Each structure stands twice: as C-alpha cells, then as structure tokens.
Amino acid sequence: MLNIETNINLLQNGKLLPLVEDFYTIQGEGFHSGKPAYFIRLGGCDIGCRWCDAKFTWNPKSFPPVDVKIIVERATSFPAQAAVITGGEPTLYPLDILCGELKSKNIQTFIETSGAYPLTGIWDWICLSPKRQQPPLDKIFTQANELKVIIENAADLEWAETNAAKVTNECMLFLQSEWSRYSKITPIIVEYAKQNPKWNISIQTHKFMNIP
C-alpha cells in the first residue's frame, strides 16, 4: 500500500495532485463512450493488475505535484463539459478541492476507480472497475453509477456476477474485454451478454480511433 498519509501531507490535503497527464479527448469506454471529456490522470497505484496498460502511472514519485487550480484552468481552456478523473488509482488522494474547482466552472465530475479506497469529492458519475487482488470497499457498491468489469478469461464472468450482486438496481453493468485478449474473449462476452441481457458490452473505442 502506498503511504497515503505522507502523500496527503505533501499534497496539502488535495491542493496539489501528482498529475501524470491531462488532455481533451473522447471517452472511449463504458456508459459515456463517445462523449467529449477532459481527462485528468493521477499517478500512483498499488492494485497491480498484470494487464494494466498504464503501468507507467504506478509510482507517484515520478510525477511532481501540480496545483489543482492550474489543472482546472487548463480544463476550462477547452469546451469540455465533463472531466474524467482516472489513474493510477485516483482515490489515493483527497479530491474534494479538485471536484469543487471543476464544479464551480460547471464541469461535471466523473471518476474511474477500483473502489479499493474511500471516495472523496462530489461526483456526477462513478465508474467502479473492481479488481480481484484488492476488492472494492463495501460502501462504494451502493454509490456506483456504473460497474465495468474487465474480462480476461471466462472465469472472470463469475467475478463480474459477484460484484453485480452488490450494486443497486440503477447501476449500469458493463463487461469489457482485456485489450490484449480482445479477439479471443469478445465472442465469449457477446454470448454471455446475450444470455444475460442485464449486461452491456464496453469496447475500448478510443483504441480503434487511435486517440488517447
């Protein structure tokens, strides 16, 4: 586990954040796929997914803290109406100030999280993407607007159902193939969703569009 207490002190309780990158693009996954959004990627993650396509974000020390006001100023220089906070694992840090600054500019706040740590901040949309090696906290299941489960093999479908049983009836359910297994696992996901139509399929459309 990363030293969260030390991080909070260094980051002045959320006035600064370890920014990996930020950019205006199109959301490529899940319920908001196709929606223009400003992405704010924070550094630091101790979940350790072997298939993670953003392993470069794992060490927060690689990314000097950036003033939240600078991040928000850059976001508002684009016509973005929503900001997606992702990582890494963004809930390692206090996000109340970031959310407050974004919402003061009429920008909706979306987060993508494993749910392994408590949520801070005010969110218009919470995408929960649970990981076996560090399962979500119980509370976040009732807060999630969207459950997005990464499927690497057929056995992960059982893991998906375990998590789906914990969310609210209003929570949107998505299965998403692990990218390196896309060709092999997609037919399995398609057939499963057809037999279990409560599930939707999420495709990483940004990778097909060759955008970040």
Protein backbone atom coordinates (compact mmCIF):
# COMPACT_ATOMS: atom_id res chain seq x y z
CA MET A 1 0.00 0.00 0.00
CA LEU A 2 1.26 3.48 -0.85
CA ASN A 3 1.89 5.83 2.06
CA ILE A 4 -1.34 7.78 1.71
CA GLU A 5 -0.86 9.85 4.89
CA THR A 6 2.51 11.10 3.65
CA ASN A 7 1.03 11.84 0.24
CA ILE A 8 -1.79 13.89 1.75
CA ASN A 9 0.67 15.98 3.75
CA LEU A 10 2.90 16.59 0.73
CA LEU A 11 -0.11 17.45 -1.42
CA GLN A 12 -1.54 19.93 1.08
CA ASN A 13 -4.72 17.90 1.56
CA GLY A 14 -5.56 17.96 -2.13
CA LYS A 15 -4.47 21.44 -3.22
CA LEU A 16 -1.75 19.67 -5.19
CA LEU A 17 -2.03 16.36 -7.06
CA PRO A 18 0.53 14.08 -8.79
CA LEU A 19 -0.54 14.76 -12.35
CA VAL A 20 0.58 12.24 -14.97
CA GLU A 21 -1.19 13.86 -17.91
CA ASP A 22 -4.32 15.81 -18.80
CA PHE A 23 -5.94 16.17 -22.20
CA TYR A 24 -9.22 16.79 -24.01
CA THR A 25 -10.49 13.76 -25.88
CA ILE A 26 -13.45 11.43 -26.38
CA GLN A 27 -14.43 8.99 -23.64
CA GLY A 28 -13.79 5.57 -25.13
CA GLU A 29 -15.34 3.17 -22.62
CA GLY A 30 -18.49 2.38 -20.71
CA PHE A 31 -21.73 4.33 -20.40
CA HIS A 32 -20.28 7.66 -21.56
CA SER A 33 -18.46 6.21 -24.56
CA GLY A 34 -18.38 8.78 -27.35
CA LYS A 35 -18.74 11.78 -25.02
CA PRO A 36 -16.13 14.56 -25.22
CA ALA A 37 -14.37 14.86 -21.86
CA TYR A 38 -11.27 16.31 -20.26
CA PHE A 39 -9.14 13.52 -18.78
CA ILE A 40 -7.09 14.10 -15.64
CA ARG A 41 -4.80 11.15 -14.94
CA LEU A 42 -3.21 10.95 -11.49
CA GLY A 43 -0.11 8.97 -10.61
CA GLY A 44 0.05 6.22 -8.02
CA CYS A 45 -1.48 2.76 -7.85
CA ASP A 46 -0.87 -0.28 -5.67
CA ILE A 47 -3.54 -2.56 -7.18
CA GLY A 48 -1.04 -4.15 -9.56
CA CYS A 49 -3.08 -5.53 -12.48
CA ARG A 50 -0.68 -7.54 -14.64
CA TRP A 51 -2.50 -6.46 -17.80
CA CYS A 52 -2.62 -2.75 -16.90
CA ASP A 53 -1.97 -0.54 -19.93
CA ALA A 54 -0.91 2.38 -17.72
CA LYS A 55 1.81 0.84 -15.56
CA PHE A 56 3.85 3.99 -16.08
CA THR A 57 1.45 5.69 -13.65
CA TRP A 58 2.07 3.39 -10.70
CA ASN A 59 4.87 5.31 -8.97
CA PRO A 60 3.51 8.67 -7.78
CA LYS A 61 7.05 9.93 -7.09
CA SER A 62 7.57 10.07 -10.85
CA PHE A 63 5.05 12.89 -11.14
CA PRO A 64 5.69 16.22 -9.36
CA PRO A 65 2.65 17.68 -7.61
CA VAL A 66 0.68 20.19 -9.66
CA ASP A 67 -1.58 22.91 -8.29
CA VAL A 68 -5.25 21.94 -8.76
CA LYS A 69 -6.05 25.46 -9.95
CA ILE A 70 -3.61 25.03 -12.84
CA ILE A 71 -5.23 21.72 -13.78
CA VAL A 72 -8.70 23.27 -13.74
CA GLU A 73 -7.51 26.31 -15.69
CA ARG A 74 -6.25 24.00 -18.44
CA ALA A 75 -9.53 22.05 -18.41
CA THR A 76 -11.56 25.24 -18.84
CA SER A 77 -9.44 26.33 -21.81
CA PHE A 78 -11.36 23.66 -23.77
CA PRO A 79 -15.14 23.42 -24.30
CA ALA A 80 -15.30 20.34 -22.08
CA GLN A 81 -18.50 19.84 -20.11
CA ALA A 82 -17.17 16.83 -18.16
CA ALA A 83 -13.88 15.80 -16.60
CA VAL A 84 -12.85 12.19 -16.03
CA ILE A 85 -10.52 11.64 -13.07
CA THR A 86 -8.55 8.45 -13.55
CA GLY A 87 -5.15 6.94 -12.85
CA GLY A 88 -3.44 5.08 -11.49
CA GLU A 89 -5.90 4.88 -8.64
CA PRO A 90 -7.26 8.40 -8.06
CA THR A 91 -8.90 7.67 -4.71
CA LEU A 92 -5.46 7.51 -3.10
CA TYR A 93 -5.76 11.29 -2.81
CA PRO A 94 -8.27 13.76 -1.33
CA LEU A 95 -10.27 15.02 -4.31
CA ASP A 96 -12.70 17.46 -2.66
CA ILE A 97 -10.78 20.53 -3.82
CA LEU A 98 -10.42 19.29 -7.40
CA CYS A 99 -14.13 18.46 -7.61
CA GLY A 100 -15.10 21.77 -6.07
CA GLU A 101 -12.99 23.76 -8.51
CA LEU A 102 -14.32 21.82 -11.52
CA LYS A 103 -17.94 22.12 -10.44
CA SER A 104 -17.50 25.87 -9.84
CA LYS A 105 -16.73 26.04 -13.58
CA ASN A 106 -19.86 24.00 -14.42
CA ILE A 107 -17.82 20.95 -15.38
CA GLN A 108 -19.33 17.58 -14.47
CA THR A 109 -17.10 15.27 -12.45
CA PHE A 110 -16.65 11.63 -13.42
CA ILE A 111 -14.30 9.16 -11.71
CA GLU A 112 -12.94 5.76 -12.67
CA THR A 113 -11.83 3.74 -9.65
CA SER A 114 -11.19 0.21 -8.44
CA GLY A 115 -13.08 1.11 -5.28
CA ALA A 116 -10.24 -0.07 -3.06
CA TYR A 117 -10.14 3.20 -1.10
CA PRO A 118 -12.80 5.59 0.25
CA LEU A 119 -14.21 8.19 -2.11
CA THR A 120 -13.71 11.88 -1.54
CA GLY A 121 -15.16 14.66 -3.64
CA ILE A 122 -18.58 15.18 -5.22
CA TRP A 123 -19.25 13.06 -8.29
CA ASP A 124 -21.77 13.21 -11.09
CA TRP A 125 -20.77 9.73 -12.26
CA ILE A 126 -18.86 6.94 -10.52
CA CYS A 127 -17.47 4.13 -12.63
CA LEU A 128 -16.44 1.19 -10.46
CA SER A 129 -14.00 -1.24 -12.05
CA PRO A 130 -13.32 -3.90 -9.38
CA LYS A 131 -10.10 -5.91 -9.20
CA ARG A 132 -9.78 -9.36 -7.63
CA GLN A 133 -6.45 -8.74 -5.92
CA GLN A 134 -7.80 -5.76 -3.98
CA PRO A 135 -11.63 -5.86 -3.97
CA PRO A 136 -13.76 -2.74 -3.54
CA LEU A 137 -14.86 -1.42 -0.19
CA ASP A 138 -18.46 -2.37 0.57
CA LYS A 139 -19.73 1.21 0.61
CA ILE A 140 -18.82 2.03 -2.97
CA PHE A 141 -21.14 -0.62 -4.42
CA THR A 142 -24.17 1.46 -3.42
CA GLN A 143 -22.54 4.65 -4.74
CA ALA A 144 -21.57 3.34 -8.19
CA ASN A 145 -23.45 4.53 -11.26
CA GLU A 146 -21.61 2.08 -13.48
CA LEU A 147 -19.95 -1.27 -12.88
CA LYS A 148 -17.31 -2.04 -15.51
CA VAL A 149 -15.65 -5.45 -15.13
CA ILE A 150 -12.56 -6.31 -17.17
CA ILE A 151 -12.78 -9.84 -18.58
CA GLU A 152 -9.50 -11.63 -19.26
CA ASN A 153 -10.92 -15.16 -19.33
CA ALA A 154 -14.25 -16.92 -18.93
CA ALA A 155 -13.71 -17.37 -15.18
CA ASP A 156 -13.88 -13.58 -14.77
CA LEU A 157 -17.58 -13.70 -15.63
CA GLU A 158 -18.23 -15.26 -12.23
CA TRP A 159 -16.28 -12.40 -10.63
CA ALA A 160 -18.44 -9.98 -12.59
CA GLU A 161 -21.61 -11.55 -11.21
CA THR A 162 -20.25 -11.43 -7.66
CA ASN A 163 -19.84 -7.68 -7.97
CA ALA A 164 -23.11 -7.15 -9.84
CA ALA A 165 -24.97 -8.69 -6.90
CA LYS A 166 -23.71 -5.85 -4.67
CA VAL A 167 -24.63 -2.76 -6.71
CA THR A 168 -28.01 -1.02 -6.87
CA ASN A 169 -30.65 -1.79 -9.47
CA GLU A 170 -29.94 1.58 -11.09
CA CYS A 171 -26.25 0.81 -11.65
CA MET A 172 -25.35 0.18 -15.30
CA LEU A 173 -23.49 -3.11 -15.88
CA PHE A 174 -20.67 -3.47 -18.41
CA LEU A 175 -18.34 -6.27 -19.43
CA GLN A 176 -15.12 -5.20 -21.16
CA SER A 177 -12.51 -7.45 -22.69
CA GLU A 178 -8.91 -7.08 -21.56
CA TRP A 179 -7.32 -5.42 -24.58
CA SER A 180 -4.61 -7.98 -25.33
CA ARG A 181 -7.29 -10.70 -25.28
CA TYR A 182 -9.84 -8.77 -27.31
CA SER A 183 -10.11 -11.18 -30.26
CA LYS A 184 -10.29 -14.32 -28.11
CA ILE A 185 -12.52 -13.14 -25.29
CA THR A 186 -15.00 -10.92 -27.16
CA PRO A 187 -17.04 -13.82 -28.64
CA ILE A 188 -17.40 -15.28 -25.12
CA ILE A 189 -18.55 -11.93 -23.73
CA VAL A 190 -21.02 -11.46 -26.58
CA GLU A 191 -22.66 -14.82 -25.99
CA TYR A 192 -22.73 -14.25 -22.23
CA ALA A 193 -24.41 -10.86 -22.60
CA LYS A 194 -26.99 -12.34 -24.98
CA GLN A 195 -27.85 -14.96 -22.36
CA ASN A 196 -27.72 -12.41 -19.52
CA PRO A 197 -29.10 -9.18 -21.01
CA LYS A 198 -28.70 -7.16 -17.82
CA TRP A 199 -25.10 -6.80 -19.03
CA ASN A 200 -23.90 -4.35 -21.67
CA ILE A 201 -20.61 -4.64 -23.53
CA SER A 202 -18.00 -1.92 -23.28
CA ILE A 203 -15.46 -1.64 -26.11
CA GLN A 204 -12.32 0.47 -25.88
CA THR A 205 -13.35 2.58 -28.85
CA HIS A 206 -10.57 5.11 -28.30
CA LYS A 207 -8.03 2.44 -29.23
CA PHE A 208 -9.79 1.83 -32.52
CA MET A 209 -9.92 5.59 -33.14
CA ASN A 210 -6.22 5.94 -32.22
CA ILE A 211 -6.88 8.70 -29.74
CA PRO A 212 -5.75 8.95 -26.09
